[in-house]
Structure formats: C-alpha cells, structure tokens
C-alpha cells in the first residue's frame, strides 16, 4: 500500500481541503498520513503599550502560545472526527517546529506529498505561491501534488512533455501512483522546441502509456511552453496536470521556476510535480 502524506496547517484548514486529500489518497489506493503542522518558531507581531511605551514580551508570548495550542488541540480533534465520519482510517502526526523542514524530512519515506496551494506559515503577506509551497516543490524527496482547496472529480489527465528526463519521470511516476485512473482520458501536450516538430521518442512514449491508460491523445503546440501550458489549463476544473522538476538545475528543469510559478498561481487544478 502506498504511503500518502498531506501537509496541513494546524491553525488554518478547511473540511473541503481534507475531503480533497481523501479523494486523492483513494485514487492511489494509499494510506493517508496527515502531517499536522505547528510553526512554533515563527515570528509574532507584538503591539506596544500605547500608554507606557513598554512591551511585556513574555506575557504576550505566553498568551499567544496558549491560544495557538488551544486552537491546534481543537483542530486536531476536528480533523480526526472528519476522517472518522468519512469512514477513512488516517494516521495523524502532530509536528511542531519548522514546517518545511519537518515535511521534507517526512517526504524521504513517502510515495506522494499533498499540499494546498495557499498553505503558508508566514506572519506577513507571502508570495504567490507561498514560500512554504515553493520550498516543498524544490526540496521534497518524493513527488508533490499541489492542489486547490476543492479538487473536482478528475475527468482528464494532462501530461506536459518535452522529451526531458524530468518530464518523462513525472509522467512515469504519476502513471505508477494513480493506477486507479487508468480509464480517464489522457492528453499529452508537446510544445515545439528548437524547431523539433516531432514529439521526442513519441513511439516509445505511446507504447509506455498504453500499458497504463486506455484513451491517449497527443497534441503538438507552437509557442512559449509555459504560456501554452497555462492557456491549456487556465479554465480547467476537472483535470490534473504533470510537469517536471521545479527549482532544480538548468539541465533537469522543465522550464524556468518563474514560469512554473505562474501556472501554480493561476491554475485551479491539481498539479503533479517531481524530479529525477
């Protein structure tokens, strides 16, 4: 049985988010482990005493910690109750520390990491996608699926492919993890690069995918790869897309990190990202 882990902010999650994790774990026929994350080393915004100009840091810190602990305790029970009522047996690991570091360590012994696209532990306004999500994409030791809050029933799989090791590895990992989706239509999107109109190793690719999926089509596009892929998914709700390495070396990545960020920021579908 596959081990699926989901990174959940102990202080900020929704039942719809939990439902999405359940749906995707079911599609892998895997066992879900929820990483219930508390950022106890984060910064706190401390207001000054306007009358005296003094700040009682210790008192404010103790009060803040107590409130956060109470909320986290309430939330972990809410999470456990949700999965119990949904008929799903999950493992919950309560982790306090530096969230990204904790999740990356856990990913070494997991088959897939799920994370919501807005998850952030920053006290101040964060980037989009958040730094936490980008850190996981760059450094996780297993495939990562970045999801919107609401994952719709998957009716289409989109493999972005350019012949690189990273794009090939991503579609292969997805195919092996999501055997349950073998009857879902697959589109392979290739954007012409360096004048090469033919899909690289297209015959071998088609032969491989036929072992995993029943309905496969190939589409060749002209233009800037990141722009074409974004245009492909921008209005999608019931699709899922893969693309290769994020934040790695020039040789391994599918396209520039900033281009990947634009898709992560705009797409409203699950995005499956991994690297060799």
C-alpha atoms as a PDB file:
ATOM      1  CA  UNK A   1       0.000   0.000   0.000  1.00  0.00           C
ATOM      2  CA  UNK A   2       1.316   3.438  -0.927  1.00  0.00           C
ATOM      3  CA  UNK A   3       2.109   5.990   1.767  1.00  0.00           C
ATOM      4  CA  UNK A   4       0.497   9.363   1.040  1.00  0.00           C
ATOM      5  CA  UNK A   5       1.324  12.338   3.259  1.00  0.00           C
ATOM      6  CA  UNK A   6      -0.592  15.619   3.427  1.00  0.00           C
ATOM      7  CA  UNK A   7       0.834  18.832   4.898  1.00  0.00           C
ATOM      8  CA  UNK A   8      -1.858  20.609   6.933  1.00  0.00           C
ATOM      9  CA  UNK A   9      -1.579  23.903   8.785  1.00  0.00           C
ATOM     10  CA  UNK A  10      -2.798  23.156  12.318  1.00  0.00           C
ATOM     11  CA  UNK A  11      -4.351  26.613  12.589  1.00  0.00           C
ATOM     12  CA  UNK A  12      -5.838  27.034   9.126  1.00  0.00           C
ATOM     13  CA  UNK A  13      -7.528  24.324   7.089  1.00  0.00           C
ATOM     14  CA  UNK A  14     -10.991  23.544   5.763  1.00  0.00           C
ATOM     15  CA  UNK A  15     -13.087  20.406   5.559  1.00  0.00           C
ATOM     16  CA  UNK A  16     -13.112  20.783   1.782  1.00  0.00           C
ATOM     17  CA  UNK A  17      -9.315  20.621   1.832  1.00  0.00           C
ATOM     18  CA  UNK A  18      -9.453  17.440   3.938  1.00  0.00           C
ATOM     19  CA  UNK A  19     -12.014  15.970   1.546  1.00  0.00           C
ATOM     20  CA  UNK A  20      -9.650  16.633  -1.366  1.00  0.00           C
ATOM     21  CA  UNK A  21      -6.815  14.774   0.374  1.00  0.00           C
ATOM     22  CA  UNK A  22      -9.126  11.821   0.950  1.00  0.00           C
ATOM     23  CA  UNK A  23     -10.187  11.750  -2.687  1.00  0.00           C
ATOM     24  CA  UNK A  24      -6.616  11.741  -3.992  1.00  0.00           C
ATOM     25  CA  UNK A  25      -5.380   9.187  -1.465  1.00  0.00           C
ATOM     26  CA  UNK A  26      -8.258   6.926  -2.501  1.00  0.00           C
ATOM     27  CA  UNK A  27      -7.208   7.270  -6.147  1.00  0.00           C
ATOM     28  CA  UNK A  28      -3.736   5.966  -5.297  1.00  0.00           C
ATOM     29  CA  UNK A  29      -5.191   3.153  -3.184  1.00  0.00           C
ATOM     30  CA  UNK A  30      -2.922   4.512  -0.494  1.00  0.00           C
ATOM     31  CA  UNK A  31      -2.920   5.088   3.262  1.00  0.00           C
ATOM     32  CA  UNK A  32      -3.111   8.750   4.236  1.00  0.00           C
ATOM     33  CA  UNK A  33      -0.871  10.271   6.890  1.00  0.00           C
ATOM     34  CA  UNK A  34      -1.715  13.852   7.857  1.00  0.00           C
ATOM     35  CA  UNK A  35       1.220  15.991   8.974  1.00  0.00           C
ATOM     36  CA  UNK A  36      -0.446  18.386  11.413  1.00  0.00           C
ATOM     37  CA  UNK A  37       1.991  21.289  11.446  1.00  0.00           C
ATOM     38  CA  UNK A  38       2.551  23.991  14.050  1.00  0.00           C
ATOM     39  CA  UNK A  39       5.070  26.728  13.383  1.00  0.00           C
ATOM     40  CA  UNK A  40       6.365  27.343  16.919  1.00  0.00           C
ATOM     41  CA  UNK A  41       9.471  29.186  15.736  1.00  0.00           C
ATOM     42  CA  UNK A  42       7.619  31.785  13.681  1.00  0.00           C
ATOM     43  CA  UNK A  43       7.715  35.478  14.374  1.00  0.00           C
ATOM     44  CA  UNK A  44       4.971  37.178  16.350  1.00  0.00           C
ATOM     45  CA  UNK A  45       3.626  40.651  15.811  1.00  0.00           C
ATOM     46  CA  UNK A  46       3.851  42.312  19.217  1.00  0.00           C
ATOM     47  CA  UNK A  47       1.954  45.572  19.818  1.00  0.00           C
ATOM     48  CA  UNK A  48       3.433  48.177  22.145  1.00  0.00           C
ATOM     49  CA  UNK A  49       1.629  49.512  25.193  1.00  0.00           C
ATOM     50  CA  UNK A  50       0.461  52.884  23.896  1.00  0.00           C
ATOM     51  CA  UNK A  51       0.281  54.432  27.376  1.00  0.00           C
ATOM     52  CA  UNK A  52       3.691  53.429  28.722  1.00  0.00           C
ATOM     53  CA  UNK A  53       5.530  52.625  25.500  1.00  0.00           C
ATOM     54  CA  UNK A  54       6.604  49.348  27.150  1.00  0.00           C
ATOM     55  CA  UNK A  55       6.131  45.878  25.811  1.00  0.00           C
ATOM     56  CA  UNK A  56       5.726  42.850  28.044  1.00  0.00           C
ATOM     57  CA  UNK A  57       7.143  40.340  25.575  1.00  0.00           C
ATOM     58  CA  UNK A  58       6.989  37.383  27.963  1.00  0.00           C
ATOM     59  CA  UNK A  59       3.326  37.868  28.786  1.00  0.00           C
ATOM     60  CA  UNK A  60       2.303  38.397  25.171  1.00  0.00           C
ATOM     61  CA  UNK A  61       4.339  35.389  24.069  1.00  0.00           C
ATOM     62  CA  UNK A  62       2.796  33.132  26.742  1.00  0.00           C
ATOM     63  CA  UNK A  63      -0.714  34.271  25.842  1.00  0.00           C
ATOM     64  CA  UNK A  64      -0.076  33.773  22.140  1.00  0.00           C
ATOM     65  CA  UNK A  65       1.318  30.280  22.658  1.00  0.00           C
ATOM     66  CA  UNK A  66      -1.611  29.280  24.880  1.00  0.00           C
ATOM     67  CA  UNK A  67      -4.179  30.495  22.337  1.00  0.00           C
ATOM     68  CA  UNK A  68      -2.415  28.695  19.497  1.00  0.00           C
ATOM     69  CA  UNK A  69      -2.163  25.461  21.497  1.00  0.00           C
ATOM     70  CA  UNK A  70      -5.855  25.570  22.359  1.00  0.00           C
ATOM     71  CA  UNK A  71      -6.816  26.163  18.748  1.00  0.00           C
ATOM     72  CA  UNK A  72      -4.486  23.419  17.497  1.00  0.00           C
ATOM     73  CA  UNK A  73      -5.918  20.961  20.056  1.00  0.00           C
ATOM     74  CA  UNK A  74      -9.451  21.775  18.936  1.00  0.00           C
ATOM     75  CA  UNK A  75      -8.462  21.491  15.262  1.00  0.00           C
ATOM     76  CA  UNK A  76      -6.756  18.115  15.542  1.00  0.00           C
ATOM     77  CA  UNK A  77      -9.934  16.697  17.071  1.00  0.00           C
ATOM     78  CA  UNK A  78     -11.965  18.278  14.280  1.00  0.00           C
ATOM     79  CA  UNK A  79      -9.647  16.703  11.695  1.00  0.00           C
ATOM     80  CA  UNK A  80      -9.805  13.251  13.304  1.00  0.00           C
ATOM     81  CA  UNK A  81     -13.585  13.463  13.568  1.00  0.00           C
ATOM     82  CA  UNK A  82     -13.882  14.416   9.915  1.00  0.00           C
ATOM     83  CA  UNK A  83     -11.941  11.390   8.678  1.00  0.00           C
ATOM     84  CA  UNK A  84     -13.650   9.079  11.165  1.00  0.00           C
ATOM     85  CA  UNK A  85     -17.057  10.252   9.956  1.00  0.00           C
ATOM     86  CA  UNK A  86     -15.869   9.858   6.346  1.00  0.00           C
ATOM     87  CA  UNK A  87     -15.001   6.226   7.004  1.00  0.00           C
ATOM     88  CA  UNK A  88     -11.290   6.695   6.350  1.00  0.00           C
ATOM     89  CA  UNK A  89      -8.568   5.414   8.650  1.00  0.00           C
ATOM     90  CA  UNK A  90      -5.784   8.007   8.725  1.00  0.00           C
ATOM     91  CA  UNK A  91      -2.614   8.487  10.718  1.00  0.00           C
ATOM     92  CA  UNK A  92      -2.119  11.949  12.228  1.00  0.00           C
ATOM     93  CA  UNK A  93       1.373  13.132  13.129  1.00  0.00           C
ATOM     94  CA  UNK A  94       1.460  16.332  15.172  1.00  0.00           C
ATOM     95  CA  UNK A  95       4.712  18.134  14.326  1.00  0.00           C
ATOM     96  CA  UNK A  96       5.891  21.351  15.949  1.00  0.00           C
ATOM     97  CA  UNK A  97       8.927  23.204  14.674  1.00  0.00           C
ATOM     98  CA  UNK A  98       9.861  24.489  11.234  1.00  0.00           C
ATOM     99  CA  UNK A  99       7.087  23.223   8.921  1.00  0.00           C
ATOM    100  CA  UNK A 100       9.067  22.966   5.671  1.00  0.00           C
ATOM    101  CA  UNK A 101      11.961  21.167   7.372  1.00  0.00           C
ATOM    102  CA  UNK A 102       9.594  18.709   9.053  1.00  0.00           C
ATOM    103  CA  UNK A 103       7.708  17.916   5.841  1.00  0.00           C
ATOM    104  CA  UNK A 104      10.842  17.498   3.719  1.00  0.00           C
ATOM    105  CA  UNK A 105      12.211  15.016   6.265  1.00  0.00           C
ATOM    106  CA  UNK A 106       8.929  13.064   6.190  1.00  0.00           C
ATOM    107  CA  UNK A 107       8.925  13.040   2.379  1.00  0.00           C
ATOM    108  CA  UNK A 108      12.011  10.818   2.293  1.00  0.00           C
ATOM    109  CA  UNK A 109       9.781   7.931   3.315  1.00  0.00           C
ATOM    110  CA  UNK A 110       6.616   8.695   1.376  1.00  0.00           C
ATOM    111  CA  UNK A 111       5.263   7.952  -2.090  1.00  0.00           C
ATOM    112  CA  UNK A 112       3.395  11.236  -2.577  1.00  0.00           C
ATOM    113  CA  UNK A 113       3.113  14.572  -0.754  1.00  0.00           C
ATOM    114  CA  UNK A 114      -0.123  16.579  -0.967  1.00  0.00           C
ATOM    115  CA  UNK A 115      -0.239  20.274  -0.113  1.00  0.00           C
ATOM    116  CA  UNK A 116      -2.811  23.013  -0.638  1.00  0.00           C
ATOM    117  CA  UNK A 117      -1.632  25.794  -2.970  1.00  0.00           C
ATOM    118  CA  UNK A 118      -2.272  28.544  -0.385  1.00  0.00           C
ATOM    119  CA  UNK A 119      -0.642  26.918   2.651  1.00  0.00           C
ATOM    120  CA  UNK A 120       1.632  29.459   4.302  1.00  0.00           C
ATOM    121  CA  UNK A 121       3.158  29.851   7.737  1.00  0.00           C
ATOM    122  CA  UNK A 122       4.350  33.416   7.163  1.00  0.00           C
ATOM    123  CA  UNK A 123       3.213  36.073   9.634  1.00  0.00           C
ATOM    124  CA  UNK A 124       3.439  38.784   6.973  1.00  0.00           C
ATOM    125  CA  UNK A 125       1.940  38.757   3.443  1.00  0.00           C
ATOM    126  CA  UNK A 126       3.585  35.952   1.493  1.00  0.00           C
ATOM    127  CA  UNK A 127       4.448  35.310  -2.141  1.00  0.00           C
ATOM    128  CA  UNK A 128       2.104  33.502  -4.512  1.00  0.00           C
ATOM    129  CA  UNK A 129       2.661  30.581  -4.483  1.00  0.00           C
ATOM    130  CA  UNK A 130       3.729  30.792  -0.828  1.00  0.00           C
ATOM    131  CA  UNK A 131       7.362  30.258   0.140  1.00  0.00           C
ATOM    132  CA  UNK A 132       6.368  27.127   2.072  1.00  0.00           C
ATOM    133  CA  UNK A 133       4.917  25.505  -1.062  1.00  0.00           C
ATOM    134  CA  UNK A 134       7.910  26.512  -3.187  1.00  0.00           C
ATOM    135  CA  UNK A 135      10.316  25.059  -0.621  1.00  0.00           C
ATOM    136  CA  UNK A 136       8.492  21.728  -0.740  1.00  0.00           C
ATOM    137  CA  UNK A 137       8.498  21.675  -4.531  1.00  0.00           C
ATOM    138  CA  UNK A 138      12.221  22.328  -4.682  1.00  0.00           C
ATOM    139  CA  UNK A 139      13.386  20.035  -1.885  1.00  0.00           C
ATOM    140  CA  UNK A 140      10.827  17.281  -1.252  1.00  0.00           C
ATOM    141  CA  UNK A 141      12.181  13.770  -1.663  1.00  0.00           C
ATOM    142  CA  UNK A 142       9.029  12.392  -3.243  1.00  0.00           C
ATOM    143  CA  UNK A 143       6.528  13.624  -5.857  1.00  0.00           C
ATOM    144  CA  UNK A 144       4.452  16.618  -4.777  1.00  0.00           C
ATOM    145  CA  UNK A 145       0.878  17.377  -5.753  1.00  0.00           C
ATOM    146  CA  UNK A 146      -0.181  20.990  -5.219  1.00  0.00           C
ATOM    147  CA  UNK A 147      -3.952  21.217  -5.001  1.00  0.00           C
ATOM    148  CA  UNK A 148      -6.649  23.895  -4.853  1.00  0.00           C
ATOM    149  CA  UNK A 149      -8.966  23.763  -1.866  1.00  0.00           C
ATOM    150  CA  UNK A 150     -11.599  21.907  -3.868  1.00  0.00           C
ATOM    151  CA  UNK A 151     -10.441  19.042  -6.084  1.00  0.00           C
ATOM    152  CA  UNK A 152     -13.144  18.133  -8.566  1.00  0.00           C
ATOM    153  CA  UNK A 153     -13.777  14.637  -9.885  1.00  0.00           C
ATOM    154  CA  UNK A 154     -10.882  14.031 -12.306  1.00  0.00           C
ATOM    155  CA  UNK A 155     -12.070  13.623 -15.891  1.00  0.00           C
ATOM    156  CA  UNK A 156      -8.845  14.372 -17.759  1.00  0.00           C
ATOM    157  CA  UNK A 157      -5.096  13.837 -17.248  1.00  0.00           C
ATOM    158  CA  UNK A 158      -2.702  16.245 -18.960  1.00  0.00           C
ATOM    159  CA  UNK A 159       0.933  15.202 -19.314  1.00  0.00           C
ATOM    160  CA  UNK A 160       3.240  18.085 -20.238  1.00  0.00           C
ATOM    161  CA  UNK A 161       6.132  16.529 -22.128  1.00  0.00           C
ATOM    162  CA  UNK A 162       9.220  17.794 -23.945  1.00  0.00           C
ATOM    163  CA  UNK A 163      11.427  14.727 -24.040  1.00  0.00           C
ATOM    164  CA  UNK A 164      13.462  15.775 -20.995  1.00  0.00           C
ATOM    165  CA  UNK A 165      14.271  13.374 -18.174  1.00  0.00           C
ATOM    166  CA  UNK A 166      12.174  15.437 -15.762  1.00  0.00           C
ATOM    167  CA  UNK A 167       9.003  15.450 -17.878  1.00  0.00           C
ATOM    168  CA  UNK A 168       9.386  11.723 -18.593  1.00  0.00           C
ATOM    169  CA  UNK A 169       9.970  10.932 -14.938  1.00  0.00           C
ATOM    170  CA  UNK A 170       6.926  12.958 -13.877  1.00  0.00           C
ATOM    171  CA  UNK A 171       4.506  11.148 -16.192  1.00  0.00           C
ATOM    172  CA  UNK A 172       6.004   7.769 -15.267  1.00  0.00           C
ATOM    173  CA  UNK A 173       5.704   8.433 -11.533  1.00  0.00           C
ATOM    174  CA  UNK A 174       2.138   9.629 -11.949  1.00  0.00           C
ATOM    175  CA  UNK A 175       1.206   6.560 -14.002  1.00  0.00           C
ATOM    176  CA  UNK A 176       2.548   4.226 -11.335  1.00  0.00           C
ATOM    177  CA  UNK A 177       0.933   6.074  -8.439  1.00  0.00           C
ATOM    178  CA  UNK A 178      -2.509   6.569  -9.966  1.00  0.00           C
ATOM    179  CA  UNK A 179      -3.361   3.185 -11.455  1.00  0.00           C
ATOM    180  CA  UNK A 180      -6.944   3.826 -10.368  1.00  0.00           C
ATOM    181  CA  UNK A 181      -7.200   6.482 -13.121  1.00  0.00           C
ATOM    182  CA  UNK A 182      -6.412   4.117 -15.998  1.00  0.00           C
ATOM    183  CA  UNK A 183      -9.800   4.746 -17.633  1.00  0.00           C
ATOM    184  CA  UNK A 184      -9.501   8.562 -17.520  1.00  0.00           C
ATOM    185  CA  UNK A 185      -8.679  10.184 -20.914  1.00  0.00           C
ATOM    186  CA  UNK A 186      -5.052  11.318 -21.246  1.00  0.00           C
ATOM    187  CA  UNK A 187      -3.731  14.269 -23.271  1.00  0.00           C
ATOM    188  CA  UNK A 188      -0.010  14.530 -23.916  1.00  0.00           C
ATOM    189  CA  UNK A 189       0.926  18.154 -24.617  1.00  0.00           C
ATOM    190  CA  UNK A 190       4.147  18.830 -26.502  1.00  0.00           C
ATOM    191  CA  UNK A 191       5.202  22.396 -27.284  1.00  0.00           C
ATOM    192  CA  UNK A 192       7.616  22.586 -30.214  1.00  0.00           C
ATOM    193  CA  UNK A 193      11.141  23.459 -29.075  1.00  0.00           C
ATOM    194  CA  UNK A 194      14.177  24.272 -31.236  1.00  0.00           C
ATOM    195  CA  UNK A 195      12.214  23.550 -34.391  1.00  0.00           C
ATOM    196  CA  UNK A 196      11.636  19.891 -33.497  1.00  0.00           C
ATOM    197  CA  UNK A 197       8.079  19.288 -34.630  1.00  0.00           C
ATOM    198  CA  UNK A 198       8.040  15.549 -33.933  1.00  0.00           C
ATOM    199  CA  UNK A 199       7.366  14.528 -30.348  1.00  0.00           C
ATOM    200  CA  UNK A 200      10.674  13.236 -28.940  1.00  0.00           C
ATOM    201  CA  UNK A 201      10.631   9.433 -28.749  1.00  0.00           C
ATOM    202  CA  UNK A 202       6.916   9.583 -29.406  1.00  0.00           C
ATOM    203  CA  UNK A 203       6.599   5.919 -30.382  1.00  0.00           C
ATOM    204  CA  UNK A 204       8.235   4.719 -27.162  1.00  0.00           C
ATOM    205  CA  UNK A 205       6.171   7.150 -25.108  1.00  0.00           C
ATOM    206  CA  UNK A 206       2.920   5.982 -26.663  1.00  0.00           C
ATOM    207  CA  UNK A 207       3.878   2.359 -26.099  1.00  0.00           C
ATOM    208  CA  UNK A 208       4.576   3.017 -22.423  1.00  0.00           C
ATOM    209  CA  UNK A 209       1.371   4.938 -21.772  1.00  0.00           C
ATOM    210  CA  UNK A 210      -0.696   2.183 -23.386  1.00  0.00           C
ATOM    211  CA  UNK A 211       0.367  -0.060 -20.511  1.00  0.00           C
ATOM    212  CA  UNK A 212      -1.317   2.308 -18.064  1.00  0.00           C
ATOM    213  CA  UNK A 213      -4.157   4.133 -19.822  1.00  0.00           C
ATOM    214  CA  UNK A 214      -6.946   3.252 -22.218  1.00  0.00           C
ATOM    215  CA  UNK A 215      -7.562   6.553 -24.016  1.00  0.00           C
ATOM    216  CA  UNK A 216      -4.496   8.609 -25.078  1.00  0.00           C
ATOM    217  CA  UNK A 217      -4.231  11.570 -27.467  1.00  0.00           C
ATOM    218  CA  UNK A 218      -1.208  13.661 -28.445  1.00  0.00           C
ATOM    219  CA  UNK A 219      -1.256  17.393 -29.114  1.00  0.00           C
ATOM    220  CA  UNK A 220       1.560  19.497 -30.562  1.00  0.00           C
ATOM    221  CA  UNK A 221       1.509  23.249 -29.914  1.00  0.00           C
ATOM    222  CA  UNK A 222       3.581  26.195 -31.106  1.00  0.00           C
ATOM    223  CA  UNK A 223       4.719  28.992 -28.811  1.00  0.00           C
ATOM    224  CA  UNK A 224       6.330  29.563 -25.424  1.00  0.00           C
ATOM    225  CA  UNK A 225       5.931  26.319 -23.410  1.00  0.00           C
ATOM    226  CA  UNK A 226       4.867  27.929 -20.132  1.00  0.00           C
ATOM    227  CA  UNK A 227       2.352  30.208 -21.863  1.00  0.00           C
ATOM    228  CA  UNK A 228       0.872  27.371 -23.910  1.00  0.00           C
ATOM    229  CA  UNK A 229       0.535  25.115 -20.876  1.00  0.00           C
ATOM    230  CA  UNK A 230      -1.066  27.893 -18.864  1.00  0.00           C
ATOM    231  CA  UNK A 231      -3.556  28.542 -21.646  1.00  0.00           C
ATOM    232  CA  UNK A 232      -4.336  24.815 -21.692  1.00  0.00           C
ATOM    233  CA  UNK A 233      -5.307  24.620 -18.025  1.00  0.00           C
ATOM    234  CA  UNK A 234      -6.436  28.145 -17.083  1.00  0.00           C
ATOM    235  CA  UNK A 235     -10.148  27.357 -17.401  1.00  0.00           C
ATOM    236  CA  UNK A 236      -9.963  23.728 -16.303  1.00  0.00           C
ATOM    237  CA  UNK A 237     -11.681  22.456 -13.177  1.00  0.00           C
ATOM    238  CA  UNK A 238     -11.789  18.681 -13.541  1.00  0.00           C
ATOM    239  CA  UNK A 239      -8.291  17.985 -14.926  1.00  0.00           C
ATOM    240  CA  UNK A 240      -4.927  17.166 -13.412  1.00  0.00           C
ATOM    241  CA  UNK A 241      -1.542  18.058 -14.942  1.00  0.00           C
ATOM    242  CA  UNK A 242       2.051  16.931 -14.535  1.00  0.00           C
ATOM    243  CA  UNK A 243       5.261  18.750 -15.202  1.00  0.00           C
ATOM    244  CA  UNK A 244       8.895  18.112 -14.366  1.00  0.00           C
ATOM    245  CA  UNK A 245      11.495  19.422 -11.957  1.00  0.00           C
ATOM    246  CA  UNK A 246      10.926  22.648 -10.034  1.00  0.00           C
ATOM    247  CA  UNK A 247      13.784  24.801  -8.809  1.00  0.00           C
ATOM    248  CA  UNK A 248      16.493  22.356  -9.798  1.00  0.00           C
ATOM    249  CA  UNK A 249      19.394  22.655 -12.227  1.00  0.00           C
ATOM    250  CA  UNK A 250      19.060  24.129 -15.701  1.00  0.00           C
ATOM    251  CA  UNK A 251      19.605  20.675 -17.197  1.00  0.00           C
ATOM    252  CA  UNK A 252      16.807  18.992 -15.262  1.00  0.00           C
ATOM    253  CA  UNK A 253      14.039  21.571 -15.038  1.00  0.00           C
ATOM    254  CA  UNK A 254      11.131  21.665 -17.475  1.00  0.00           C
ATOM    255  CA  UNK A 255      11.053  25.450 -17.673  1.00  0.00           C
ATOM    256  CA  UNK A 256      12.097  28.402 -15.554  1.00  0.00           C
ATOM    257  CA  UNK A 257      10.919  28.471 -11.956  1.00  0.00           C
ATOM    258  CA  UNK A 258       9.157  31.789 -12.522  1.00  0.00           C
ATOM    259  CA  UNK A 259       7.186  30.203 -15.375  1.00  0.00           C
ATOM    260  CA  UNK A 260       6.196  27.293 -13.153  1.00  0.00           C
ATOM    261  CA  UNK A 261       5.078  29.791 -10.513  1.00  0.00           C
ATOM    262  CA  UNK A 262       2.705  31.453 -12.982  1.00  0.00           C
ATOM    263  CA  UNK A 263       0.957  28.131 -13.572  1.00  0.00           C
ATOM    264  CA  UNK A 264       0.870  27.331  -9.851  1.00  0.00           C
ATOM    265  CA  UNK A 265      -0.543  30.792  -9.176  1.00  0.00           C
ATOM    266  CA  UNK A 266      -3.240  30.664 -11.830  1.00  0.00           C
ATOM    267  CA  UNK A 267      -4.328  27.060 -12.370  1.00  0.00           C
ATOM    268  CA  UNK A 268      -7.276  25.775 -10.348  1.00  0.00           C
ATOM    269  CA  UNK A 269      -6.459  22.094 -10.746  1.00  0.00           C
ATOM    270  CA  UNK A 270      -4.075  19.677  -9.025  1.00  0.00           C
ATOM    271  CA  UNK A 271      -0.509  19.943 -10.329  1.00  0.00           C
ATOM    272  CA  UNK A 272       1.788  16.930 -10.010  1.00  0.00           C
ATOM    273  CA  UNK A 273       5.449  17.931  -9.865  1.00  0.00           C
ATOM    274  CA  UNK A 274       8.524  15.819  -9.300  1.00  0.00           C
ATOM    275  CA  UNK A 275      12.133  15.464 -10.349  1.00  0.00           C
ATOM    276  CA  UNK A 276      14.508  12.571 -11.060  1.00  0.00           C
END
